[in-house]
Amino acid sequence: MTTSNSTEVGLHIFKRRAGGQKGDRYTIGRWEDGQQRAICHDACIDCALTAIRAELEKAGQPPVAAHACASVQDAKT
């Protein structure tokens, strides 16, 4: 008999089209105990993906190569 080490992570992703050179912006929330917690707010795609990667690592997923992005710190506010 094998046991599963799977973890389910519920995300809500809001994509906003930004004008000019900013490109698309993303706000991402993670569902926890029936409530959403923001993991990034109005971030570029690289920072949004970094925030998702960090959440998956916390959830017990195998670690992957980190991507440098200073704006991820903004998600904690």
PDB file of N, CA and C in Angstrom:
ATOM      1  N   MET A   1       0.842  -1.186   0.000  1.00  0.00           N
ATOM      2  CA  MET A   1       0.000   0.000   0.000  1.00  0.00           C
ATOM      3  C   MET A   1       0.884   1.246   0.000  1.00  0.00           C
ATOM      4  N   THR A   2       0.565   2.191  -0.852  1.00  0.00           N
ATOM      5  CA  THR A   2       1.322   3.438  -0.896  1.00  0.00           C
ATOM      6  C   THR A   2       0.457   4.581  -0.388  1.00  0.00           C
ATOM      7  N   THR A   3       1.111   5.559   0.168  1.00  0.00           N
ATOM      8  CA  THR A   3       0.387   6.743   0.613  1.00  0.00           C
ATOM      9  C   THR A   3       0.738   7.904  -0.301  1.00  0.00           C
ATOM     10  N   SER A   4      -0.206   8.800  -0.470  1.00  0.00           N
ATOM     11  CA  SER A   4      -0.001   9.948  -1.342  1.00  0.00           C
ATOM     12  C   SER A   4       0.503  11.128  -0.525  1.00  0.00           C
ATOM     13  N   ASN A   5       1.478  11.821  -1.056  1.00  0.00           N
ATOM     14  CA  ASN A   5       1.987  13.039  -0.434  1.00  0.00           C
ATOM     15  C   ASN A   5       1.503  14.263  -1.203  1.00  0.00           C
ATOM     16  N   SER A   6       0.328  14.169  -1.779  1.00  0.00           N
ATOM     17  CA  SER A   6      -0.219  15.255  -2.585  1.00  0.00           C
ATOM     18  C   SER A   6      -0.803  16.352  -1.708  1.00  0.00           C
ATOM     19  N   THR A   7      -0.756  17.561  -2.221  1.00  0.00           N
ATOM     20  CA  THR A   7      -1.329  18.719  -1.556  1.00  0.00           C
ATOM     21  C   THR A   7      -2.152  19.478  -2.578  1.00  0.00           C
ATOM     22  N   GLU A   8      -3.341  19.912  -2.181  1.00  0.00           N
ATOM     23  CA  GLU A   8      -4.183  20.708  -3.071  1.00  0.00           C
ATOM     24  C   GLU A   8      -4.060  22.177  -2.677  1.00  0.00           C
ATOM     25  N   VAL A   9      -3.851  23.031  -3.669  1.00  0.00           N
ATOM     26  CA  VAL A   9      -3.717  24.464  -3.444  1.00  0.00           C
ATOM     27  C   VAL A   9      -4.727  25.172  -4.332  1.00  0.00           C
ATOM     28  N   GLY A  10      -5.619  25.948  -3.729  1.00  0.00           N
ATOM     29  CA  GLY A  10      -6.617  26.703  -4.486  1.00  0.00           C
ATOM     30  C   GLY A  10      -6.175  28.146  -4.677  1.00  0.00           C
ATOM     31  N   LEU A  11      -6.042  28.559  -5.933  1.00  0.00           N
ATOM     32  CA  LEU A  11      -5.620  29.917  -6.244  1.00  0.00           C
ATOM     33  C   LEU A  11      -6.706  30.658  -7.012  1.00  0.00           C
ATOM     34  N   HIS A  12      -6.779  31.957  -6.806  1.00  0.00           N
ATOM     35  CA  HIS A  12      -7.647  32.834  -7.589  1.00  0.00           C
ATOM     36  C   HIS A  12      -6.736  33.859  -8.235  1.00  0.00           C
ATOM     37  N   ILE A  13      -6.774  33.959  -9.558  1.00  0.00           N
ATOM     38  CA  ILE A  13      -5.873  34.844 -10.289  1.00  0.00           C
ATOM     39  C   ILE A  13      -6.674  35.906 -11.031  1.00  0.00           C
ATOM     40  N   PHE A  14      -6.336  37.164 -10.780  1.00  0.00           N
ATOM     41  CA  PHE A  14      -6.952  38.301 -11.452  1.00  0.00           C
ATOM     42  C   PHE A  14      -5.896  38.926 -12.349  1.00  0.00           C
ATOM     43  N   LYS A  15      -6.195  39.023 -13.645  1.00  0.00           N
ATOM     44  CA  LYS A  15      -5.269  39.610 -14.612  1.00  0.00           C
ATOM     45  C   LYS A  15      -5.826  40.952 -15.064  1.00  0.00           C
ATOM     46  N   ARG A  16      -4.986  41.978 -14.980  1.00  0.00           N
ATOM     47  CA  ARG A  16      -5.389  43.333 -15.375  1.00  0.00           C
ATOM     48  C   ARG A  16      -4.481  43.801 -16.501  1.00  0.00           C
ATOM     49  N   ARG A  17      -5.087  44.313 -17.547  1.00  0.00           N
ATOM     50  CA  ARG A  17      -4.321  44.868 -18.670  1.00  0.00           C
ATOM     51  C   ARG A  17      -3.862  46.267 -18.273  1.00  0.00           C
ATOM     52  N   ALA A  18      -2.564  46.455 -18.154  1.00  0.00           N
ATOM     53  CA  ALA A  18      -2.011  47.759 -17.779  1.00  0.00           C
ATOM     54  C   ALA A  18      -1.607  48.508 -19.042  1.00  0.00           C
ATOM     55  N   GLY A  19      -1.702  49.803 -18.992  1.00  0.00           N
ATOM     56  CA  GLY A  19      -1.342  50.618 -20.146  1.00  0.00           C
ATOM     57  C   GLY A  19       0.155  50.833 -20.264  1.00  0.00           C
ATOM     58  N   GLY A  20       0.574  51.259 -21.405  1.00  0.00           N
ATOM     59  CA  GLY A  20       1.974  51.616 -21.623  1.00  0.00           C
ATOM     60  C   GLY A  20       2.902  50.420 -21.593  1.00  0.00           C
ATOM     61  N   GLN A  21       4.067  50.632 -21.023  1.00  0.00           N
ATOM     62  CA  GLN A  21       5.115  49.617 -20.994  1.00  0.00           C
ATOM     63  C   GLN A  21       4.979  48.632 -19.838  1.00  0.00           C
ATOM     64  N   LYS A  22       4.007  48.805 -18.949  1.00  0.00           N
ATOM     65  CA  LYS A  22       3.900  47.949 -17.771  1.00  0.00           C
ATOM     66  C   LYS A  22       3.532  46.504 -18.101  1.00  0.00           C
ATOM     67  N   GLY A  23       2.810  46.261 -19.173  1.00  0.00           N
ATOM     68  CA  GLY A  23       2.356  44.912 -19.474  1.00  0.00           C
ATOM     69  C   GLY A  23       1.230  44.506 -18.551  1.00  0.00           C
ATOM     70  N   ASP A  24       0.813  43.249 -18.639  1.00  0.00           N
ATOM     71  CA  ASP A  24      -0.268  42.764 -17.789  1.00  0.00           C
ATOM     72  C   ASP A  24       0.183  42.708 -16.328  1.00  0.00           C
ATOM     73  N   ARG A  25      -0.775  42.886 -15.427  1.00  0.00           N
ATOM     74  CA  ARG A  25      -0.509  42.861 -13.989  1.00  0.00           C
ATOM     75  C   ARG A  25      -1.394  41.800 -13.359  1.00  0.00           C
ATOM     76  N   TYR A  26      -0.922  41.168 -12.292  1.00  0.00           N
ATOM     77  CA  TYR A  26      -1.610  40.041 -11.684  1.00  0.00           C
ATOM     78  C   TYR A  26      -1.754  40.234 -10.185  1.00  0.00           C
ATOM     79  N   THR A  27      -2.939  39.892  -9.689  1.00  0.00           N
ATOM     80  CA  THR A  27      -3.192  39.795  -8.255  1.00  0.00           C
ATOM     81  C   THR A  27      -3.632  38.358  -8.007  1.00  0.00           C
ATOM     82  N   ILE A  28      -2.991  37.707  -7.043  1.00  0.00           N
ATOM     83  CA  ILE A  28      -3.262  36.295  -6.794  1.00  0.00           C
ATOM     84  C   ILE A  28      -3.587  36.093  -5.329  1.00  0.00           C
ATOM     85  N   GLY A  29      -4.632  35.327  -5.087  1.00  0.00           N
ATOM     86  CA  GLY A  29      -5.007  34.958  -3.731  1.00  0.00           C
ATOM     87  C   GLY A  29      -5.017  33.447  -3.591  1.00  0.00           C
ATOM     88  N   ARG A  30      -4.714  32.979  -2.395  1.00  0.00           N
ATOM     89  CA  ARG A  30      -4.744  31.550  -2.097  1.00  0.00           C
ATOM     90  C   ARG A  30      -5.865  31.295  -1.096  1.00  0.00           C
ATOM     91  N   TRP A  31      -6.677  30.282  -1.388  1.00  0.00           N
ATOM     92  CA  TRP A  31      -7.760  29.913  -0.480  1.00  0.00           C
ATOM     93  C   TRP A  31      -7.187  29.113   0.687  1.00  0.00           C
ATOM     94  N   GLU A  32      -7.495  29.543   1.911  1.00  0.00           N
ATOM     95  CA  GLU A  32      -7.092  28.843   3.123  1.00  0.00           C
ATOM     96  C   GLU A  32      -8.253  28.879   4.103  1.00  0.00           C
ATOM     97  N   ASP A  33      -8.752  27.727   4.488  1.00  0.00           N
ATOM     98  CA  ASP A  33      -9.835  27.637   5.465  1.00  0.00           C
ATOM     99  C   ASP A  33     -11.027  28.519   5.105  1.00  0.00           C
ATOM    100  N   GLY A  34     -11.401  28.522   3.830  1.00  0.00           N
ATOM    101  CA  GLY A  34     -12.571  29.265   3.382  1.00  0.00           C
ATOM    102  C   GLY A  34     -12.351  30.751   3.183  1.00  0.00           C
ATOM    103  N   GLN A  35     -11.125  31.230   3.343  1.00  0.00           N
ATOM    104  CA  GLN A  35     -10.815  32.639   3.138  1.00  0.00           C
ATOM    105  C   GLN A  35      -9.656  32.762   2.158  1.00  0.00           C
ATOM    106  N   GLN A  36      -9.593  33.910   1.488  1.00  0.00           N
ATOM    107  CA  GLN A  36      -8.499  34.151   0.567  1.00  0.00           C
ATOM    108  C   GLN A  36      -7.422  34.997   1.227  1.00  0.00           C
ATOM    109  N   ARG A  37      -6.164  34.621   0.976  1.00  0.00           N
ATOM    110  CA  ARG A  37      -5.011  35.376   1.447  1.00  0.00           C
ATOM    111  C   ARG A  37      -4.232  35.805   0.216  1.00  0.00           C
ATOM    112  N   ALA A  38      -3.927  37.093   0.086  1.00  0.00           N
ATOM    113  CA  ALA A  38      -3.181  37.585  -1.074  1.00  0.00           C
ATOM    114  C   ALA A  38      -1.742  37.104  -1.014  1.00  0.00           C
ATOM    115  N   ILE A  39      -1.252  36.594  -2.152  1.00  0.00           N
ATOM    116  CA  ILE A  39       0.163  36.223  -2.233  1.00  0.00           C
ATOM    117  C   ILE A  39       0.931  37.189  -3.123  1.00  0.00           C
ATOM    118  N   CYS A  40       0.230  37.952  -3.965  1.00  0.00           N
ATOM    119  CA  CYS A  40       0.842  39.061  -4.697  1.00  0.00           C
ATOM    120  C   CYS A  40      -0.268  40.004  -5.128  1.00  0.00           C
ATOM    121  N   HIS A  41       0.097  41.268  -5.294  1.00  0.00           N
ATOM    122  CA  HIS A  41      -0.891  42.282  -5.656  1.00  0.00           C
ATOM    123  C   HIS A  41      -0.319  43.177  -6.756  1.00  0.00           C
ATOM    124  N   ASP A  42      -1.016  43.238  -7.890  1.00  0.00           N
ATOM    125  CA  ASP A  42      -0.647  44.097  -9.015  1.00  0.00           C
ATOM    126  C   ASP A  42       0.812  43.882  -9.424  1.00  0.00           C
ATOM    127  N   ALA A  43       1.187  42.623  -9.597  1.00  0.00           N
ATOM    128  CA  ALA A  43       2.571  42.256  -9.906  1.00  0.00           C
ATOM    129  C   ALA A  43       2.734  41.905 -11.381  1.00  0.00           C
ATOM    130  N   CYS A  44       3.969  42.021 -11.873  1.00  0.00           N
ATOM    131  CA  CYS A  44       4.284  41.583 -13.233  1.00  0.00           C
ATOM    132  C   CYS A  44       4.209  40.045 -13.272  1.00  0.00           C
ATOM    133  N   ILE A  45       4.225  39.466 -14.463  1.00  0.00           N
ATOM    134  CA  ILE A  45       4.087  38.023 -14.597  1.00  0.00           C
ATOM    135  C   ILE A  45       5.219  37.274 -13.891  1.00  0.00           C
ATOM    136  N   ASP A  46       6.449  37.774 -13.979  1.00  0.00           N
ATOM    137  CA  ASP A  46       7.563  37.098 -13.319  1.00  0.00           C
ATOM    138  C   ASP A  46       7.382  37.048 -11.811  1.00  0.00           C
ATOM    139  N   CYS A  47       6.944  38.153 -11.241  1.00  0.00           N
ATOM    140  CA  CYS A  47       6.737  38.202  -9.795  1.00  0.00           C
ATOM    141  C   CYS A  47       5.538  37.354  -9.371  1.00  0.00           C
ATOM    142  N   ALA A  48       4.494  37.351 -10.195  1.00  0.00           N
ATOM    143  CA  ALA A  48       3.324  36.527  -9.891  1.00  0.00           C
ATOM    144  C   ALA A  48       3.691  35.049  -9.893  1.00  0.00           C
ATOM    145  N   LEU A  49       4.473  34.623 -10.875  1.00  0.00           N
ATOM    146  CA  LEU A  49       4.896  33.226 -10.925  1.00  0.00           C
ATOM    147  C   LEU A  49       5.816  32.878  -9.766  1.00  0.00           C
ATOM    148  N   THR A  50       6.647  33.813  -9.351  1.00  0.00           N
ATOM    149  CA  THR A  50       7.511  33.592  -8.188  1.00  0.00           C
ATOM    150  C   THR A  50       6.674  33.415  -6.927  1.00  0.00           C
ATOM    151  N   ALA A  51       5.611  34.209  -6.797  1.00  0.00           N
ATOM    152  CA  ALA A  51       4.727  34.084  -5.635  1.00  0.00           C
ATOM    153  C   ALA A  51       4.025  32.726  -5.635  1.00  0.00           C
ATOM    154  N   ILE A  52       3.577  32.273  -6.797  1.00  0.00           N
ATOM    155  CA  ILE A  52       2.947  30.954  -6.896  1.00  0.00           C
ATOM    156  C   ILE A  52       3.952  29.867  -6.529  1.00  0.00           C
ATOM    157  N   ARG A  53       5.161  29.975  -7.053  1.00  0.00           N
ATOM    158  CA  ARG A  53       6.205  28.995  -6.761  1.00  0.00           C
ATOM    159  C   ARG A  53       6.457  28.914  -5.249  1.00  0.00           C
ATOM    160  N   ALA A  54       6.530  30.061  -4.584  1.00  0.00           N
ATOM    161  CA  ALA A  54       6.763  30.081  -3.141  1.00  0.00           C
ATOM    162  C   ALA A  54       5.626  29.385  -2.390  1.00  0.00           C
ATOM    163  N   GLU A  55       4.381  29.612  -2.820  1.00  0.00           N
ATOM    164  CA  GLU A  55       3.240  28.966  -2.169  1.00  0.00           C
ATOM    165  C   GLU A  55       3.283  27.449  -2.352  1.00  0.00           C
ATOM    166  N   LEU A  56       3.644  27.007  -3.541  1.00  0.00           N
ATOM    167  CA  LEU A  56       3.721  25.568  -3.792  1.00  0.00           C
ATOM    168  C   LEU A  56       4.832  24.928  -2.975  1.00  0.00           C
ATOM    169  N   GLU A  57       5.943  25.625  -2.818  1.00  0.00           N
ATOM    170  CA  GLU A  57       7.023  25.091  -2.000  1.00  0.00           C
ATOM    171  C   GLU A  57       6.594  24.973  -0.545  1.00  0.00           C
ATOM    172  N   LYS A  58       5.870  25.972  -0.049  1.00  0.00           N
ATOM    173  CA  LYS A  58       5.362  25.922   1.329  1.00  0.00           C
ATOM    174  C   LYS A  58       4.376  24.774   1.503  1.00  0.00           C
ATOM    175  N   ALA A  59       3.655  24.447   0.446  1.00  0.00           N
ATOM    176  CA  ALA A  59       2.631  23.401   0.507  1.00  0.00           C
ATOM    177  C   ALA A  59       3.233  22.004   0.395  1.00  0.00           C
ATOM    178  N   GLY A  60       4.550  21.900   0.392  1.00  0.00           N
ATOM    179  CA  GLY A  60       5.186  20.595   0.378  1.00  0.00           C
ATOM    180  C   GLY A  60       5.603  20.103  -0.981  1.00  0.00           C
ATOM    181  N   GLN A  61       5.526  20.950  -1.986  1.00  0.00           N
ATOM    182  CA  GLN A  61       5.965  20.558  -3.315  1.00  0.00           C
ATOM    183  C   GLN A  61       7.495  20.546  -3.345  1.00  0.00           C
ATOM    184  N   PRO A  62       8.087  19.753  -4.234  1.00  0.00           N
ATOM    185  CA  PRO A  62       9.549  19.766  -4.323  1.00  0.00           C
ATOM    186  C   PRO A  62      10.048  21.143  -4.750  1.00  0.00           C
ATOM    187  N   PRO A  63      11.156  21.613  -4.175  1.00  0.00           N
ATOM    188  CA  PRO A  63      11.658  22.936  -4.527  1.00  0.00           C
ATOM    189  C   PRO A  63      12.121  23.009  -5.969  1.00  0.00           C
ATOM    190  N   VAL A  64      11.967  24.190  -6.567  1.00  0.00           N
ATOM    191  CA  VAL A  64      12.440  24.438  -7.928  1.00  0.00           C
ATOM    192  C   VAL A  64      13.372  25.630  -7.886  1.00  0.00           C
ATOM    193  N   ALA A  65      14.079  25.860  -8.967  1.00  0.00           N
ATOM    194  CA  ALA A  65      15.021  26.976  -9.015  1.00  0.00           C
ATOM    195  C   ALA A  65      14.305  28.295  -8.737  1.00  0.00           C
ATOM    196  N   ALA A  66      14.886  29.096  -7.886  1.00  0.00           N
ATOM    197  CA  ALA A  66      14.291  30.384  -7.517  1.00  0.00           C
ATOM    198  C   ALA A  66      14.495  31.405  -8.633  1.00  0.00           C
ATOM    199  N   HIS A  67      13.555  32.323  -8.733  1.00  0.00           N
ATOM    200  CA  HIS A  67      13.645  33.416  -9.698  1.00  0.00           C
ATOM    201  C   HIS A  67      13.699  34.712  -8.898  1.00  0.00           C
ATOM    202  N   ALA A  68      14.713  35.516  -9.120  1.00  0.00           N
ATOM    203  CA  ALA A  68      14.870  36.761  -8.369  1.00  0.00           C
ATOM    204  C   ALA A  68      13.809  37.770  -8.787  1.00  0.00           C
ATOM    205  N   CYS A  69      13.085  38.299  -7.784  1.00  0.00           N
ATOM    206  CA  CYS A  69      12.073  39.309  -8.068  1.00  0.00           C
ATOM    207  C   CYS A  69      11.809  40.094  -6.786  1.00  0.00           C
ATOM    208  N   ALA A  70      12.226  41.307  -6.734  1.00  0.00           N
ATOM    209  CA  ALA A  70      12.082  42.115  -5.528  1.00  0.00           C
ATOM    210  C   ALA A  70      10.630  42.410  -5.213  1.00  0.00           C
ATOM    211  N   SER A  71       9.744  42.454  -6.211  1.00  0.00           N
ATOM    212  CA  SER A  71       8.347  42.842  -5.976  1.00  0.00           C
ATOM    213  C   SER A  71       7.563  41.789  -5.199  1.00  0.00           C
ATOM    214  N   VAL A  72       8.049  40.580  -5.074  1.00  0.00           N
ATOM    215  CA  VAL A  72       7.325  39.549  -4.327  1.00  0.00           C
ATOM    216  C   VAL A  72       7.192  39.963  -2.871  1.00  0.00           C
ATOM    217  N   GLN A  73       8.150  40.706  -2.346  1.00  0.00           N
ATOM    218  CA  GLN A  73       8.057  41.183  -0.970  1.00  0.00           C
ATOM    219  C   GLN A  73       6.835  42.057  -0.784  1.00  0.00           C
ATOM    220  N   ASP A  74       6.398  42.762  -1.831  1.00  0.00           N
ATOM    221  CA  ASP A  74       5.207  43.602  -1.762  1.00  0.00           C
ATOM    222  C   ASP A  74       3.958  42.782  -1.497  1.00  0.00           C
ATOM    223  N   ALA A  75       3.958  41.493  -1.850  1.00  0.00           N
ATOM    224  CA  ALA A  75       2.780  40.652  -1.656  1.00  0.00           C
ATOM    225  C   ALA A  75       2.498  40.405  -0.200  1.00  0.00           C
ATOM    226  N   LYS A  76       3.485  40.596   0.652  1.00  0.00           N
ATOM    227  CA  LYS A  76       3.306  40.323   2.078  1.00  0.00           C
ATOM    228  C   LYS A  76       2.656  41.484   2.797  1.00  0.00           C
ATOM    229  N   THR A  77       2.384  42.559   2.092  1.00  0.00           N
ATOM    230  CA  THR A  77       1.754  43.728   2.719  1.00  0.00           C
ATOM    231  C   THR A  77       0.294  43.773   2.415  1.00  0.00           C
TER     232      THR A  77
END
